[in-house]
């Protein structure tokens, strides 16, 4: 499993963020023009910003979890996302 972050910030900004928060195992992708954010419904309709949208995408590129938080953080984001991954893994293993 790979965790990716996507932001409209620059690559240099990403490097500083990774260093500041010791996120050595996380990949942050640069989307300065918002093209990828728009594809996943994370682009703000007016401002040059992206909303916080949490996605879990399976190996077949299907979106199995989608939560649009606007500009807020997902409460207990790590536990929530791990719980969703566990839930969908169990669901697909029983199908």
N, C-alpha and C. Protein backbone atom coordinates (compact mmCIF):
# COMPACT_ATOMS: atom_id res chain seq x y z
N UNK A 1 0.85 -1.17 0.00
CA UNK A 1 0.00 0.00 0.00
C UNK A 1 0.89 1.23 0.00
N UNK A 2 0.48 2.23 -0.72
CA UNK A 2 1.25 3.47 -0.85
C UNK A 2 0.35 4.64 -0.48
N UNK A 3 0.86 5.54 0.34
CA UNK A 3 0.12 6.74 0.72
C UNK A 3 0.67 7.91 -0.07
N UNK A 4 -0.23 8.61 -0.76
CA UNK A 4 0.16 9.76 -1.56
C UNK A 4 -0.61 10.98 -1.09
N UNK A 5 0.04 12.11 -1.12
CA UNK A 5 -0.63 13.38 -0.87
C UNK A 5 -0.55 14.21 -2.13
N UNK A 6 -1.54 15.02 -2.37
CA UNK A 6 -1.58 15.85 -3.56
C UNK A 6 -1.89 17.28 -3.14
N UNK A 7 -1.13 18.22 -3.65
CA UNK A 7 -1.33 19.61 -3.28
C UNK A 7 -0.95 20.51 -4.44
N UNK A 8 -1.51 21.71 -4.42
CA UNK A 8 -1.17 22.70 -5.44
C UNK A 8 0.09 23.47 -5.07
N UNK A 9 0.71 23.12 -3.95
CA UNK A 9 1.95 23.77 -3.54
C UNK A 9 3.11 23.30 -4.41
N UNK A 10 4.19 24.05 -4.39
CA UNK A 10 5.37 23.74 -5.20
C UNK A 10 6.14 22.54 -4.63
N UNK A 11 7.02 21.99 -5.45
CA UNK A 11 7.86 20.87 -5.02
C UNK A 11 8.72 21.29 -3.82
N UNK A 12 9.24 22.50 -3.83
CA UNK A 12 10.06 22.99 -2.71
C UNK A 12 9.22 23.06 -1.43
N UNK A 13 8.00 23.52 -1.54
CA UNK A 13 7.10 23.56 -0.39
C UNK A 13 6.85 22.15 0.15
N UNK A 14 6.68 21.19 -0.75
CA UNK A 14 6.48 19.80 -0.36
C UNK A 14 7.70 19.27 0.40
N UNK A 15 8.89 19.55 -0.12
CA UNK A 15 10.12 19.08 0.53
C UNK A 15 10.22 19.62 1.96
N UNK A 16 9.90 20.90 2.13
CA UNK A 16 9.94 21.51 3.47
C UNK A 16 8.90 20.88 4.39
N UNK A 17 7.70 20.64 3.87
CA UNK A 17 6.63 20.02 4.66
C UNK A 17 7.02 18.61 5.11
N UNK A 18 7.58 17.82 4.19
CA UNK A 18 8.02 16.45 4.51
C UNK A 18 9.10 16.49 5.58
N UNK A 19 10.04 17.40 5.44
CA UNK A 19 11.13 17.51 6.41
C UNK A 19 10.61 17.96 7.77
N UNK A 20 9.75 18.98 7.78
CA UNK A 20 9.22 19.53 9.03
C UNK A 20 8.44 18.48 9.81
N UNK A 21 7.67 17.64 9.10
CA UNK A 21 6.80 16.67 9.77
C UNK A 21 7.35 15.25 9.75
N UNK A 22 8.60 15.10 9.33
CA UNK A 22 9.27 13.78 9.28
C UNK A 22 8.43 12.73 8.56
N UNK A 23 7.97 13.05 7.39
CA UNK A 23 7.12 12.16 6.59
C UNK A 23 7.95 11.44 5.54
N UNK A 24 8.95 10.72 5.97
CA UNK A 24 9.88 10.08 5.04
C UNK A 24 9.23 9.02 4.15
N UNK A 25 8.15 8.39 4.60
CA UNK A 25 7.52 7.32 3.82
C UNK A 25 6.29 7.79 3.04
N UNK A 26 6.11 9.09 2.93
CA UNK A 26 4.95 9.61 2.22
C UNK A 26 5.41 10.35 0.97
N UNK A 27 4.69 10.17 -0.10
CA UNK A 27 4.98 10.87 -1.35
C UNK A 27 3.96 11.99 -1.52
N UNK A 28 4.43 13.19 -1.73
CA UNK A 28 3.54 14.32 -2.00
C UNK A 28 3.70 14.70 -3.46
N UNK A 29 2.59 14.75 -4.16
CA UNK A 29 2.58 15.06 -5.58
C UNK A 29 2.25 16.54 -5.79
N UNK A 30 2.88 17.13 -6.78
CA UNK A 30 2.66 18.54 -7.10
C UNK A 30 1.58 18.65 -8.17
N UNK A 31 0.60 19.50 -7.93
CA UNK A 31 -0.50 19.72 -8.86
C UNK A 31 -0.78 21.23 -8.91
N UNK A 32 0.25 22.00 -9.27
CA UNK A 32 0.15 23.46 -9.18
C UNK A 32 -1.01 24.05 -9.99
N UNK A 33 -1.38 23.43 -11.09
CA UNK A 33 -2.48 23.95 -11.91
C UNK A 33 -3.83 23.35 -11.54
N UNK A 34 -3.84 22.37 -10.62
CA UNK A 34 -5.09 21.80 -10.14
C UNK A 34 -5.77 20.82 -11.07
N UNK A 35 -5.06 20.31 -12.07
CA UNK A 35 -5.68 19.40 -13.04
C UNK A 35 -6.10 18.08 -12.39
N UNK A 36 -5.25 17.52 -11.55
CA UNK A 36 -5.59 16.25 -10.89
C UNK A 36 -6.67 16.49 -9.84
N UNK A 37 -6.56 17.58 -9.10
CA UNK A 37 -7.58 17.90 -8.10
C UNK A 37 -8.96 18.00 -8.75
N UNK A 38 -9.01 18.59 -9.92
CA UNK A 38 -10.29 18.72 -10.63
C UNK A 38 -10.86 17.35 -10.99
N UNK A 39 -10.00 16.43 -11.43
CA UNK A 39 -10.45 15.08 -11.79
C UNK A 39 -11.12 14.35 -10.62
N UNK A 40 -10.64 14.63 -9.40
CA UNK A 40 -11.16 13.94 -8.22
C UNK A 40 -12.10 14.80 -7.39
N UNK A 41 -12.56 15.90 -7.96
CA UNK A 41 -13.54 16.74 -7.27
C UNK A 41 -12.98 17.51 -6.09
N UNK A 42 -11.67 17.76 -6.08
CA UNK A 42 -11.05 18.46 -4.97
C UNK A 42 -10.74 19.91 -5.29
N UNK A 43 -10.99 20.34 -6.51
CA UNK A 43 -10.69 21.70 -6.91
C UNK A 43 -11.76 22.65 -6.38
N UNK A 44 -11.35 23.78 -5.84
CA UNK A 44 -12.31 24.78 -5.38
C UNK A 44 -12.89 25.48 -6.60
N UNK A 45 -14.17 25.75 -6.61
CA UNK A 45 -14.84 26.30 -7.78
C UNK A 45 -14.42 27.73 -8.11
N UNK A 46 -13.88 28.47 -7.11
CA UNK A 46 -13.53 29.86 -7.35
C UNK A 46 -12.06 30.17 -7.06
N UNK A 47 -11.57 29.69 -5.94
CA UNK A 47 -10.20 30.01 -5.51
C UNK A 47 -9.19 29.03 -6.09
N UNK A 48 -7.94 29.46 -6.25
CA UNK A 48 -6.90 28.53 -6.75
C UNK A 48 -6.38 27.64 -5.64
N UNK A 49 -7.30 26.95 -4.99
CA UNK A 49 -6.99 26.06 -3.87
C UNK A 49 -7.65 24.71 -4.11
N UNK A 50 -7.16 23.72 -3.42
CA UNK A 50 -7.82 22.42 -3.45
C UNK A 50 -8.45 22.16 -2.09
N UNK A 51 -9.62 21.55 -2.11
CA UNK A 51 -10.27 21.15 -0.87
C UNK A 51 -9.58 19.90 -0.34
N UNK A 52 -9.86 19.56 0.92
CA UNK A 52 -9.36 18.31 1.48
C UNK A 52 -10.33 17.20 1.12
N UNK A 53 -9.89 16.38 0.21
CA UNK A 53 -10.69 15.23 -0.19
C UNK A 53 -9.84 14.00 0.08
N UNK A 54 -10.41 13.08 0.84
CA UNK A 54 -9.72 11.85 1.18
C UNK A 54 -10.23 10.74 0.28
N UNK A 55 -9.33 10.06 -0.38
CA UNK A 55 -9.68 8.97 -1.29
C UNK A 55 -8.89 7.73 -0.93
N UNK A 56 -9.52 6.60 -1.06
CA UNK A 56 -8.82 5.32 -1.03
C UNK A 56 -9.12 4.68 -2.38
N UNK A 57 -8.05 4.39 -3.10
CA UNK A 57 -8.17 3.84 -4.45
C UNK A 57 -7.55 2.46 -4.44
N UNK A 58 -8.29 1.46 -4.91
CA UNK A 58 -7.77 0.09 -4.89
C UNK A 58 -6.80 -0.15 -6.04
N UNK A 59 -6.26 -1.35 -6.11
CA UNK A 59 -5.25 -1.67 -7.13
C UNK A 59 -5.79 -1.62 -8.55
N UNK A 60 -7.11 -1.72 -8.70
CA UNK A 60 -7.73 -1.63 -10.03
C UNK A 60 -8.12 -0.20 -10.37
N UNK A 61 -7.69 0.76 -9.53
CA UNK A 61 -7.95 2.19 -9.71
C UNK A 61 -9.41 2.58 -9.48
N UNK A 62 -10.13 1.76 -8.70
CA UNK A 62 -11.49 2.09 -8.31
C UNK A 62 -11.46 2.89 -7.01
N UNK A 63 -12.25 3.94 -6.94
CA UNK A 63 -12.35 4.71 -5.70
C UNK A 63 -13.25 3.92 -4.76
N UNK A 64 -12.69 3.48 -3.64
CA UNK A 64 -13.47 2.68 -2.69
C UNK A 64 -13.85 3.48 -1.46
N UNK A 65 -13.30 4.68 -1.32
CA UNK A 65 -13.66 5.58 -0.22
C UNK A 65 -13.46 7.01 -0.72
N UNK A 66 -14.44 7.87 -0.45
CA UNK A 66 -14.38 9.27 -0.86
C UNK A 66 -15.04 10.11 0.22
N UNK A 67 -14.29 11.05 0.77
CA UNK A 67 -14.83 11.94 1.79
C UNK A 67 -14.35 13.35 1.52
N UNK A 68 -15.26 14.25 1.19
CA UNK A 68 -14.95 15.65 0.91
C UNK A 68 -15.14 16.43 2.21
N UNK A 69 -14.06 16.98 2.74
CA UNK A 69 -14.11 17.72 4.00
C UNK A 69 -14.05 19.24 3.79
N UNK A 70 -14.18 19.69 2.56
CA UNK A 70 -14.03 21.12 2.32
C UNK A 70 -12.60 21.52 2.65
N UNK A 71 -12.43 22.40 3.62
CA UNK A 71 -11.08 22.79 4.04
C UNK A 71 -10.74 22.25 5.42
N UNK A 72 -11.62 21.44 6.00
CA UNK A 72 -11.39 20.88 7.33
C UNK A 72 -10.61 19.57 7.24
N UNK A 73 -10.04 19.17 8.36
CA UNK A 73 -9.37 17.87 8.45
C UNK A 73 -10.38 16.80 8.78
N UNK A 74 -10.14 15.61 8.31
CA UNK A 74 -10.95 14.46 8.67
C UNK A 74 -10.65 14.14 10.13
N UNK A 75 -11.67 14.08 10.99
CA UNK A 75 -11.41 13.76 12.40
C UNK A 75 -10.73 12.39 12.52
N UNK A 76 -9.72 12.31 13.37
CA UNK A 76 -8.98 11.06 13.56
C UNK A 76 -8.62 10.45 12.22
N UNK A 77 -8.03 11.25 11.34
CA UNK A 77 -7.84 10.85 9.95
C UNK A 77 -7.11 9.52 9.79
N UNK A 78 -6.05 9.29 10.52
CA UNK A 78 -5.32 8.03 10.36
C UNK A 78 -6.18 6.84 10.73
N UNK A 79 -6.82 6.90 11.88
CA UNK A 79 -7.67 5.79 12.33
C UNK A 79 -8.88 5.60 11.41
N UNK A 80 -9.46 6.69 10.97
CA UNK A 80 -10.61 6.60 10.06
C UNK A 80 -10.22 5.92 8.76
N UNK A 81 -9.10 6.33 8.18
CA UNK A 81 -8.68 5.76 6.90
C UNK A 81 -8.25 4.30 7.06
N UNK A 82 -7.53 3.99 8.13
CA UNK A 82 -7.14 2.59 8.38
C UNK A 82 -8.38 1.73 8.56
N UNK A 83 -9.37 2.25 9.29
CA UNK A 83 -10.63 1.52 9.48
C UNK A 83 -11.34 1.27 8.16
N UNK A 84 -11.35 2.26 7.28
CA UNK A 84 -11.98 2.09 5.96
C UNK A 84 -11.23 1.07 5.11
N UNK A 85 -9.91 1.10 5.17
CA UNK A 85 -9.11 0.12 4.43
C UNK A 85 -9.40 -1.28 4.96
N UNK A 86 -9.41 -1.44 6.27
CA UNK A 86 -9.72 -2.75 6.87
C UNK A 86 -11.11 -3.23 6.47
N UNK A 87 -12.08 -2.30 6.53
CA UNK A 87 -13.47 -2.66 6.19
C UNK A 87 -13.59 -3.11 4.74
N UNK A 88 -12.98 -2.37 3.84
CA UNK A 88 -13.10 -2.73 2.42
C UNK A 88 -12.29 -3.97 2.09
N UNK A 89 -11.17 -4.18 2.79
CA UNK A 89 -10.37 -5.39 2.57
C UNK A 89 -11.16 -6.63 3.00
N UNK A 90 -11.82 -6.54 4.15
CA UNK A 90 -12.64 -7.67 4.63
C UNK A 90 -13.81 -7.91 3.69
N UNK A 91 -14.43 -6.83 3.23
CA UNK A 91 -15.58 -6.93 2.34
C UNK A 91 -15.20 -7.64 1.03
N UNK A 92 -14.07 -7.23 0.44
CA UNK A 92 -13.67 -7.82 -0.83
C UNK A 92 -13.15 -9.25 -0.68
N UNK A 93 -12.61 -9.59 0.49
CA UNK A 93 -12.12 -10.95 0.69
C UNK A 93 -13.27 -11.93 0.88
N UNK A 94 -14.46 -11.43 1.27
CA UNK A 94 -15.64 -12.29 1.43
C UNK A 94 -16.46 -12.40 0.15
N UNK A 95 -16.21 -11.53 -0.80
CA UNK A 95 -17.00 -11.54 -2.06
C UNK A 95 -16.54 -12.64 -3.00
